[in-house]
Amino acid sequence: MVNSGLLWFIIGIGTTLAFFGLKEWLDEKQVALNWWQWLLAVAWTLVLALTVAFTALNAAANEARAAMLGFVILAVILAVWAVLGWYFILRRKLVKAA
């Protein structure tokens, strides 16, 4: 699965659907994001994709400890990044729109 490109194909489909869903949700809430806010969202998504790829590649290479440790470290970073992004960007804009 990892070597055939199927993993990246699935990640690409998921990313595309997530961004279309986010755009529709923001339009429904009447919230407009600046270019740098979209850049942060794209960067977060790339780090998420690399986290999945890192974990899958290490698991396929029988490096379970590296896969688990890398996943935990990167997942914590992504979770903190998502919470801070929600708090500083979307929460304030949603409160202003209401």
Protein backbone atom coordinates (compact mmCIF):
# COMPACT_ATOMS: atom_id res chain seq x y z
CA MET A 1 0.00 0.00 0.00
CA VAL A 2 2.75 2.46 0.90
CA ASN A 3 4.91 1.84 -2.16
CA SER A 4 2.09 1.81 -4.70
CA GLY A 5 1.07 5.41 -4.23
CA LEU A 6 -2.34 4.37 -2.94
CA LEU A 7 -1.64 5.97 0.43
CA TRP A 8 -0.94 9.36 -1.16
CA PHE A 9 -3.99 9.00 -3.40
CA ILE A 10 -6.22 8.40 -0.37
CA ILE A 11 -4.59 11.28 1.54
CA GLY A 12 -5.15 13.56 -1.47
CA ILE A 13 -8.82 12.64 -1.72
CA GLY A 14 -9.31 13.17 2.01
CA THR A 15 -7.52 16.52 1.93
CA THR A 16 -9.56 17.75 -1.02
CA LEU A 17 -12.83 16.75 0.61
CA ALA A 18 -11.77 18.35 3.90
CA PHE A 19 -10.92 21.68 2.24
CA PHE A 20 -14.15 21.74 0.24
CA GLY A 21 -16.07 20.96 3.41
CA LEU A 22 -14.24 23.68 5.34
CA LYS A 23 -14.92 26.22 2.58
CA GLU A 24 -18.64 25.36 2.52
CA TRP A 25 -18.85 25.53 6.33
CA LEU A 26 -17.10 28.93 6.40
CA ASP A 27 -19.41 30.24 3.66
CA GLU A 28 -22.43 29.01 5.63
CA LYS A 29 -21.17 30.81 8.76
CA GLN A 30 -20.24 33.88 6.66
CA VAL A 31 -16.62 33.86 7.81
CA ALA A 32 -13.84 35.00 5.47
CA LEU A 33 -10.25 33.92 6.06
CA ASN A 34 -7.18 35.94 5.08
CA TRP A 35 -4.42 34.50 2.91
CA TRP A 36 -2.18 33.80 5.90
CA GLN A 37 -4.98 31.93 7.67
CA TRP A 38 -5.45 29.72 4.61
CA LEU A 39 -1.67 29.24 4.51
CA LEU A 40 -1.74 28.03 8.13
CA ALA A 41 -4.54 25.60 7.26
CA VAL A 42 -2.62 24.24 4.27
CA ALA A 43 0.57 23.91 6.33
CA TRP A 44 -1.34 22.05 9.07
CA THR A 45 -2.78 19.69 6.47
CA LEU A 46 0.66 19.01 4.99
CA VAL A 47 2.07 18.21 8.42
CA LEU A 48 -0.91 15.91 9.03
CA ALA A 49 -0.26 14.10 5.73
CA LEU A 50 3.43 13.75 6.55
CA THR A 51 2.53 12.38 9.98
CA VAL A 52 0.36 9.69 8.41
CA ALA A 53 3.04 8.89 5.83
CA PHE A 54 5.81 8.76 8.46
CA THR A 55 3.81 6.43 10.64
CA ALA A 56 2.79 4.16 7.76
CA LEU A 57 6.30 3.95 6.32
CA ASN A 58 7.89 3.14 9.67
CA ALA A 59 5.22 0.59 10.48
CA ALA A 60 5.75 -1.06 7.07
CA ALA A 61 9.51 -1.20 7.73
CA ASN A 62 8.89 -3.01 11.05
CA GLU A 63 10.02 0.03 13.02
CA ALA A 64 7.12 0.02 15.46
CA ARG A 65 8.87 2.10 18.12
CA ALA A 66 9.81 4.84 15.64
CA ALA A 67 6.30 4.81 14.17
CA MET A 68 4.62 5.10 17.57
CA LEU A 69 7.01 7.71 18.95
CA GLY A 70 6.84 9.82 15.79
CA PHE A 71 3.06 9.56 15.69
CA VAL A 72 2.66 10.60 19.33
CA ILE A 73 5.02 13.57 19.04
CA LEU A 74 3.57 14.82 15.77
CA ALA A 75 -0.03 14.21 16.88
CA VAL A 76 0.49 16.32 20.01
CA ILE A 77 2.00 19.12 17.92
CA LEU A 78 -0.92 18.95 15.47
CA ALA A 79 -3.50 18.92 18.27
CA VAL A 80 -1.98 21.99 19.95
CA TRP A 81 -1.73 23.74 16.57
CA ALA A 82 -5.40 22.96 15.81
CA VAL A 83 -6.65 24.17 19.20
CA LEU A 84 -4.65 27.40 19.00
CA GLY A 85 -5.79 27.95 15.42
CA TRP A 86 -9.42 27.42 16.41
CA TYR A 87 -9.10 29.75 19.39
CA PHE A 88 -7.23 32.63 17.76
CA ILE A 89 -8.70 32.56 14.26
CA LEU A 90 -12.10 30.94 13.97
CA ARG A 91 -13.51 31.50 17.45
CA ARG A 92 -13.02 35.25 17.29
CA LYS A 93 -14.45 35.48 13.78
CA LEU A 94 -17.48 33.35 14.67
CA VAL A 95 -18.19 35.51 17.73
CA LYS A 96 -17.99 38.68 15.61
CA ALA A 97 -20.31 37.21 12.98
CA ALA A 98 -22.96 36.25 15.55
